[in-house]
C-alpha atoms as a PDB file:
ATOM      1  CA  MET A   1      -0.231  -0.100  -0.286  1.00  0.00           C
ATOM      2  CA  SER A   2       0.942   3.372  -0.003  1.00  0.00           C
ATOM      3  CA  ILE A   3       0.395   6.749   1.301  1.00  0.00           C
ATOM      4  CA  GLN A   4       0.073  10.209  -0.100  1.00  0.00           C
ATOM      5  CA  LEU A   5       2.790  12.915   1.562  1.00  0.00           C
ATOM      6  CA  LYS A   6       1.291  16.520   1.048  1.00  0.00           C
ATOM      7  CA  VAL A   7       3.939  18.776  -1.364  1.00  0.00           C
ATOM      8  CA  ASN A   8       3.873  21.959  -0.214  1.00  0.00           C
ATOM      9  CA  SER A   9       5.414  25.346  -2.152  1.00  0.00           C
ATOM     10  CA  VAL A  10       8.171  27.479  -0.422  1.00  0.00           C
ATOM     11  CA  SER A  11       5.728  29.673   0.190  1.00  0.00           C
ATOM     12  CA  GLY A  12       3.881  27.161   2.911  1.00  0.00           C
ATOM     13  CA  SER A  13       1.505  26.385   0.136  1.00  0.00           C
ATOM     14  CA  GLU A  14       0.283  22.958  -0.830  1.00  0.00           C
ATOM     15  CA  VAL A  15       0.428  22.114  -4.411  1.00  0.00           C
ATOM     16  CA  GLY A  16       0.170  18.916  -4.436  1.00  0.00           C
ATOM     17  CA  ASN A  17       1.092  14.970  -3.170  1.00  0.00           C
ATOM     18  CA  VAL A  18       3.617  11.998  -3.778  1.00  0.00           C
ATOM     19  CA  ASP A  19       2.853   8.923  -3.176  1.00  0.00           C
ATOM     20  CA  VAL A  20       5.309   6.708  -1.230  1.00  0.00           C
ATOM     21  CA  SER A  21       5.179   3.083   0.642  1.00  0.00           C
ATOM     22  CA  ASP A  22       3.584   3.105   4.067  1.00  0.00           C
ATOM     23  CA  VAL A  23       6.524   0.479   4.896  1.00  0.00           C
ATOM     24  CA  ASN A  24       8.841   2.966   4.879  1.00  0.00           C
ATOM     25  CA  PHE A  25       6.566   6.120   5.707  1.00  0.00           C
ATOM     26  CA  GLY A  26       3.611   4.183   8.489  1.00  0.00           C
ATOM     27  CA  VAL A  27       5.304   1.836  10.412  1.00  0.00           C
ATOM     28  CA  ASP A  28       5.023   1.394  14.316  1.00  0.00           C
ATOM     29  CA  PHE A  29       8.183   3.468  16.465  1.00  0.00           C
ATOM     30  CA  ASN A  30      10.718   1.037  18.107  1.00  0.00           C
ATOM     31  CA  GLU A  31      11.903   3.572  20.117  1.00  0.00           C
ATOM     32  CA  ALA A  32      14.394   0.018  21.455  1.00  0.00           C
ATOM     33  CA  LEU A  33      16.065  -0.387  18.007  1.00  0.00           C
ATOM     34  CA  ILE A  34      16.292   3.027  17.120  1.00  0.00           C
ATOM     35  CA  HIS A  35      18.267   3.623  20.259  1.00  0.00           C
ATOM     36  CA  GLN A  36      20.699   1.299  19.155  1.00  0.00           C
ATOM     37  CA  VAL A  37      21.712   2.096  15.876  1.00  0.00           C
ATOM     38  CA  VAL A  38      21.991   5.528  16.587  1.00  0.00           C
ATOM     39  CA  VAL A  39      24.879   4.586  19.479  1.00  0.00           C
ATOM     40  CA  ALA A  40      26.055   2.317  17.201  1.00  0.00           C
ATOM     41  CA  TYR A  41      26.251   5.323  14.685  1.00  0.00           C
ATOM     42  CA  GLN A  42      27.696   7.562  17.086  1.00  0.00           C
ATOM     43  CA  ALA A  43      29.880   4.725  17.964  1.00  0.00           C
ATOM     44  CA  GLY A  44      31.685   4.641  14.621  1.00  0.00           C
ATOM     45  CA  GLY A  45      32.344   8.039  14.449  1.00  0.00           C
ATOM     46  CA  ARG A  46      34.271   8.116  17.501  1.00  0.00           C
ATOM     47  CA  SER A  47      38.329   7.901  16.260  1.00  0.00           C
ATOM     48  CA  GLY A  48      40.271   5.978  19.157  1.00  0.00           C
ATOM     49  CA  THR A  49      43.256   7.347  18.362  1.00  0.00           C
ATOM     50  CA  ARG A  50      44.316   7.523  21.487  1.00  0.00           C
ATOM     51  CA  ALA A  51      48.241   5.791  21.919  1.00  0.00           C
ATOM     52  CA  GLN A  52      51.091   6.163  24.380  1.00  0.00           C
ATOM     53  CA  LYS A  53      54.355   4.407  24.554  1.00  0.00           C
ATOM     54  CA  ASN A  54      54.992   1.342  27.084  1.00  0.00           C
ATOM     55  CA  ARG A  55      58.473   0.550  27.801  1.00  0.00           C
ATOM     56  CA  SER A  56      58.622  -2.018  24.838  1.00  0.00           C
ATOM     57  CA  GLU A  57      58.492   0.535  21.984  1.00  0.00           C
ATOM     58  CA  VAL A  58      60.341   2.988  23.396  1.00  0.00           C
ATOM     59  CA  SER A  59      63.561   3.763  21.657  1.00  0.00           C
ATOM     60  CA  GLY A  60      66.440   3.354  23.184  1.00  0.00           C
ATOM     61  CA  GLY A  61      67.656   1.218  26.379  1.00  0.00           C
ATOM     62  CA  GLY A  62      69.683  -0.875  25.149  1.00  0.00           C
ATOM     63  CA  ALA A  63      72.383  -1.073  27.986  1.00  0.00           C
ATOM     64  CA  LYS A  64      72.064  -0.997  32.063  1.00  0.00           C
ATOM     65  CA  PRO A  65      72.545   2.558  33.240  1.00  0.00           C
ATOM     66  CA  TRP A  66      74.784   0.866  35.892  1.00  0.00           C
ATOM     67  CA  ARG A  67      76.534  -2.550  37.223  1.00  0.00           C
ATOM     68  CA  GLN A  68      73.854  -5.270  38.721  1.00  0.00           C
ATOM     69  CA  LYS A  69      76.555  -5.073  42.366  1.00  0.00           C
ATOM     70  CA  GLY A  70      78.222  -3.078  43.983  1.00  0.00           C
ATOM     71  CA  THR A  71      76.757   0.681  43.682  1.00  0.00           C
ATOM     72  CA  GLY A  72      74.306   0.587  46.451  1.00  0.00           C
ATOM     73  CA  ARG A  73      71.574   1.207  43.834  1.00  0.00           C
ATOM     74  CA  ALA A  74      68.132  -1.375  43.274  1.00  0.00           C
ATOM     75  CA  ARG A  75      68.747  -3.025  40.226  1.00  0.00           C
ATOM     76  CA  ALA A  76      67.671  -1.609  37.189  1.00  0.00           C
ATOM     77  CA  GLY A  77      67.826  -3.715  33.455  1.00  0.00           C
ATOM     78  CA  THR A  78      67.048  -0.093  31.471  1.00  0.00           C
ATOM     79  CA  ILE A  79      66.499   3.758  31.772  1.00  0.00           C
ATOM     80  CA  ARG A  80      63.097   2.982  29.459  1.00  0.00           C
ATOM     81  CA  SER A  81      61.557   1.513  32.627  1.00  0.00           C
ATOM     82  CA  PRO A  82      58.273   3.229  33.607  1.00  0.00           C
ATOM     83  CA  ILE A  83      60.341   4.380  36.964  1.00  0.00           C
ATOM     84  CA  PHE A  84      62.822   6.801  34.772  1.00  0.00           C
ATOM     85  CA  ARG A  85      62.185   9.954  33.256  1.00  0.00           C
ATOM     86  CA  GLY A  86      61.532   9.406  29.520  1.00  0.00           C
ATOM     87  CA  GLY A  87      60.691   6.138  30.176  1.00  0.00           C
ATOM     88  CA  GLY A  88      57.515   4.323  29.378  1.00  0.00           C
ATOM     89  CA  GLN A  89      54.013   4.045  30.122  1.00  0.00           C
ATOM     90  CA  THR A  90      53.175   2.190  32.949  1.00  0.00           C
ATOM     91  CA  PHE A  91      49.428   0.624  31.338  1.00  0.00           C
ATOM     92  CA  ALA A  92      49.751   2.344  28.027  1.00  0.00           C
ATOM     93  CA  SER A  93      47.113   3.473  26.130  1.00  0.00           C
ATOM     94  CA  SER A  94      46.282   2.393  22.988  1.00  0.00           C
ATOM     95  CA  THR A  95      44.245   2.921  19.708  1.00  0.00           C
ATOM     96  CA  GLN A  96      40.672   0.724  20.401  1.00  0.00           C
ATOM     97  CA  ASN A  97      37.943   0.799  17.290  1.00  0.00           C
ATOM     98  CA  PHE A  98      34.417   1.738  18.760  1.00  0.00           C
ATOM     99  CA  GLU A  99      32.851   0.354  16.022  1.00  0.00           C
ATOM    100  CA  GLN A 100      28.987  -2.077  17.009  1.00  0.00           C
ATOM    101  CA  LYS A 101      27.739  -4.453  14.214  1.00  0.00           C
ATOM    102  CA  VAL A 102      24.480  -3.171  13.471  1.00  0.00           C
ATOM    103  CA  ASN A 103      23.213  -4.786  10.005  1.00  0.00           C
ATOM    104  CA  LYS A 104      21.526  -3.346   7.216  1.00  0.00           C
ATOM    105  CA  LYS A 105      17.974  -4.485   7.941  1.00  0.00           C
ATOM    106  CA  MET A 106      18.195  -3.188  11.481  1.00  0.00           C
ATOM    107  CA  TYR A 107      19.575   0.604  10.010  1.00  0.00           C
ATOM    108  CA  ARG A 108      16.581   0.396   6.807  1.00  0.00           C
ATOM    109  CA  ALA A 109      14.047  -0.479   9.910  1.00  0.00           C
ATOM    110  CA  ALA A 110      15.263   2.073  12.092  1.00  0.00           C
ATOM    111  CA  ILE A 111      15.361   5.124   9.372  1.00  0.00           C
ATOM    112  CA  ARG A 112      11.977   3.637   8.023  1.00  0.00           C
ATOM    113  CA  SER A 113      10.536   4.081  11.652  1.00  0.00           C
ATOM    114  CA  ILE A 114      12.120   7.542  11.997  1.00  0.00           C
ATOM    115  CA  LEU A 115      10.720   8.858   9.109  1.00  0.00           C
ATOM    116  CA  SER A 116       7.215   7.390  10.095  1.00  0.00           C
ATOM    117  CA  GLU A 117       7.276   9.019  13.717  1.00  0.00           C
ATOM    118  CA  LEU A 118       8.636  12.578  11.084  1.00  0.00           C
ATOM    119  CA  ASN A 119       5.333  12.346   9.522  1.00  0.00           C
ATOM    120  CA  ARG A 120       3.300  11.453  12.174  1.00  0.00           C
ATOM    121  CA  GLN A 121       4.114  14.269  14.104  1.00  0.00           C
ATOM    122  CA  GLU A 122       4.146  16.856  11.499  1.00  0.00           C
ATOM    123  CA  ARG A 123       7.468  17.071  11.543  1.00  0.00           C
ATOM    124  CA  LEU A 124       8.084  16.085   7.829  1.00  0.00           C
ATOM    125  CA  ILE A 125       7.640  18.347   5.215  1.00  0.00           C
ATOM    126  CA  VAL A 126       8.010  17.793   1.822  1.00  0.00           C
ATOM    127  CA  VAL A 127       8.482  20.853  -1.029  1.00  0.00           C
ATOM    128  CA  ASP A 128       8.135  20.576  -4.556  1.00  0.00           C
ATOM    129  CA  GLY A 129      11.828  22.693  -4.652  1.00  0.00           C
ATOM    130  CA  PHE A 130      13.604  25.753  -3.076  1.00  0.00           C
ATOM    131  CA  ALA A 131      13.784  28.862  -5.578  1.00  0.00           C
ATOM    132  CA  LEU A 132      17.250  30.300  -4.904  1.00  0.00           C
ATOM    133  CA  ASP A 133      18.747  31.867  -8.206  1.00  0.00           C
ATOM    134  CA  ALA A 134      21.856  32.465  -6.954  1.00  0.00           C
ATOM    135  CA  PRO A 135      23.740  31.782  -3.123  1.00  0.00           C
ATOM    136  CA  LYS A 136      21.825  33.823  -0.721  1.00  0.00           C
ATOM    137  CA  THR A 137      21.308  33.262   2.626  1.00  0.00           C
ATOM    138  CA  ARG A 138      18.387  36.338   3.407  1.00  0.00           C
ATOM    139  CA  ASP A 139      16.514  33.885   0.235  1.00  0.00           C
ATOM    140  CA  LEU A 140      16.782  30.853   2.019  1.00  0.00           C
ATOM    141  CA  LEU A 141      15.682  32.340   5.470  1.00  0.00           C
ATOM    142  CA  GLY A 142      12.958  33.364   4.354  1.00  0.00           C
ATOM    143  CA  GLN A 143      11.839  30.121   2.323  1.00  0.00           C
ATOM    144  CA  LEU A 144      12.123  28.571   5.650  1.00  0.00           C
ATOM    145  CA  ASP A 145      10.014  31.026   7.431  1.00  0.00           C
ATOM    146  CA  GLY A 146       7.685  30.450   4.725  1.00  0.00           C
ATOM    147  CA  LEU A 147       7.735  26.876   5.645  1.00  0.00           C
ATOM    148  CA  GLY A 148       7.067  27.428   9.273  1.00  0.00           C
ATOM    149  CA  ALA A 149      10.885  25.535   9.875  1.00  0.00           C
ATOM    150  CA  PRO A 150      13.547  28.297  10.364  1.00  0.00           C
ATOM    151  CA  GLU A 151      15.876  25.375  11.783  1.00  0.00           C
ATOM    152  CA  ALA A 152      15.718  22.181   9.697  1.00  0.00           C
ATOM    153  CA  LEU A 153      17.237  19.578   8.044  1.00  0.00           C
ATOM    154  CA  VAL A 154      17.143  19.876   4.419  1.00  0.00           C
ATOM    155  CA  VAL A 155      17.261  16.826   2.731  1.00  0.00           C
ATOM    156  CA  LEU A 156      17.925  17.219  -1.387  1.00  0.00           C
ATOM    157  CA  SER A 157      17.169  14.988  -4.423  1.00  0.00           C
ATOM    158  CA  GLY A 158      21.529  15.586  -4.954  1.00  0.00           C
ATOM    159  CA  SER A 159      23.744  18.541  -4.821  1.00  0.00           C
ATOM    160  CA  ASP A 160      22.174  21.607  -5.052  1.00  0.00           C
ATOM    161  CA  HIS A 161      25.065  24.748  -4.519  1.00  0.00           C
ATOM    162  CA  ASN A 162      22.848  27.458  -4.053  1.00  0.00           C
ATOM    163  CA  VAL A 163      21.544  25.798  -1.161  1.00  0.00           C
ATOM    164  CA  GLU A 164      24.492  24.579   0.465  1.00  0.00           C
ATOM    165  CA  LEU A 165      26.322  28.053   0.356  1.00  0.00           C
ATOM    166  CA  SER A 166      22.762  29.503   1.419  1.00  0.00           C
ATOM    167  CA  ALA A 167      22.529  27.520   4.803  1.00  0.00           C
ATOM    168  CA  ARG A 168      26.482  27.484   5.259  1.00  0.00           C
ATOM    169  CA  ASN A 169      25.943  30.766   8.109  1.00  0.00           C
ATOM    170  CA  LEU A 170      22.680  28.937   9.573  1.00  0.00           C
ATOM    171  CA  LYS A 171      23.724  27.262  12.551  1.00  0.00           C
ATOM    172  CA  TYR A 172      20.296  25.468  12.727  1.00  0.00           C
ATOM    173  CA  VAL A 173      20.288  24.355   9.558  1.00  0.00           C
ATOM    174  CA  SER A 174      22.053  21.349   7.979  1.00  0.00           C
ATOM    175  CA  VAL A 175      21.697  20.199   4.443  1.00  0.00           C
ATOM    176  CA  CYS A 176      22.460  16.569   3.099  1.00  0.00           C
ATOM    177  CA  SER A 177      21.142  14.578  -0.011  1.00  0.00           C
ATOM    178  CA  ASN A 178      18.584  11.688   0.063  1.00  0.00           C
ATOM    179  CA  SER A 179      21.946   9.366  -0.003  1.00  0.00           C
ATOM    180  CA  GLU A 180      23.750  10.862   3.290  1.00  0.00           C
ATOM    181  CA  ILE A 181      20.478  10.690   5.527  1.00  0.00           C
ATOM    182  CA  ASN A 182      21.086   8.490   9.228  1.00  0.00           C
ATOM    183  CA  PRO A 183      19.521   8.606  12.588  1.00  0.00           C
ATOM    184  CA  VAL A 184      21.579  11.243  13.884  1.00  0.00           C
ATOM    185  CA  ASN A 185      20.773  13.966  11.756  1.00  0.00           C
ATOM    186  CA  LEU A 186      16.700  13.007  11.324  1.00  0.00           C
ATOM    187  CA  ILE A 187      16.237  13.385  14.520  1.00  0.00           C
ATOM    188  CA  SER A 188      18.900  16.043  15.502  1.00  0.00           C
ATOM    189  CA  HIS A 189      16.713  18.864  13.701  1.00  0.00           C
ATOM    190  CA  GLU A 190      13.123  19.801  14.999  1.00  0.00           C
ATOM    191  CA  LYS A 191      11.649  19.393  11.366  1.00  0.00           C
ATOM    192  CA  VAL A 192      13.298  17.480   8.379  1.00  0.00           C
ATOM    193  CA  ILE A 193      12.633  18.923   4.647  1.00  0.00           C
ATOM    194  CA  MET A 194      13.123  17.304   2.004  1.00  0.00           C
ATOM    195  CA  THR A 195      12.221  17.607  -1.900  1.00  0.00           C
ATOM    196  CA  ALA A 196       9.567  15.266  -3.495  1.00  0.00           C
ATOM    197  CA  ASP A 197      12.194  14.255  -5.319  1.00  0.00           C
ATOM    198  CA  ALA A 198      13.532  12.951  -2.451  1.00  0.00           C
ATOM    199  CA  ALA A 199      11.273  11.508  -0.975  1.00  0.00           C
ATOM    200  CA  LYS A 200      10.498   9.523  -3.898  1.00  0.00           C
ATOM    201  CA  LYS A 201      13.918   8.555  -4.067  1.00  0.00           C
ATOM    202  CA  ILE A 202      14.195   7.675  -0.250  1.00  0.00           C
ATOM    203  CA  ASP A 203      11.457   5.715  -0.825  1.00  0.00           C
ATOM    204  CA  GLU A 204      12.836   3.163  -3.542  1.00  0.00           C
ATOM    205  CA  ALA A 205      16.734   2.783  -1.259  1.00  0.00           C
ATOM    206  CA  LEU A 206      14.323   1.572   1.236  1.00  0.00           C
ATOM    207  CA  ARG A 207      12.508  -0.843  -0.596  1.00  0.00           C
END
């Protein structure tokens, strides 16, 4: 079955509808699944590049600093021991991979659930397109105000140089293409504005 999403102009007036599958825009909200996928997505973005050298990785220290007996000092085999200045770290931290396993079926199900909930809460706005002849932040902000969404994620069907540059100085406005949507950017904005073409492409990609 299919459902119809209302398509608006940038002035906020209704100009038509777009048919999408109820499997992608009309499923139940699965909070546990969304939470798992969001946590996994954010964990995968961690660099985990912290690193320290242990005693075997610090250069030098090939000879004993002093002889084994007769000096009155404690035995020492290398100056790269953690007890010496310039030596290795006792419990050295190493690079770490924080990625969590999430299969494609779970990921797509989470996207479907988020899109469906946005549609139910009337936080999903579909427009026929943005009319920008040149990069102009004021013009884009005026069109977003006309849609009642000055703070939103704008999803385009492809690259639009004018829209991308116009939104660059807007702190609470993000722009991405239909292939770049993810659980985090969908739930991080109060409203999601997508073009009708982007909605169709997302619907086809999730089938």
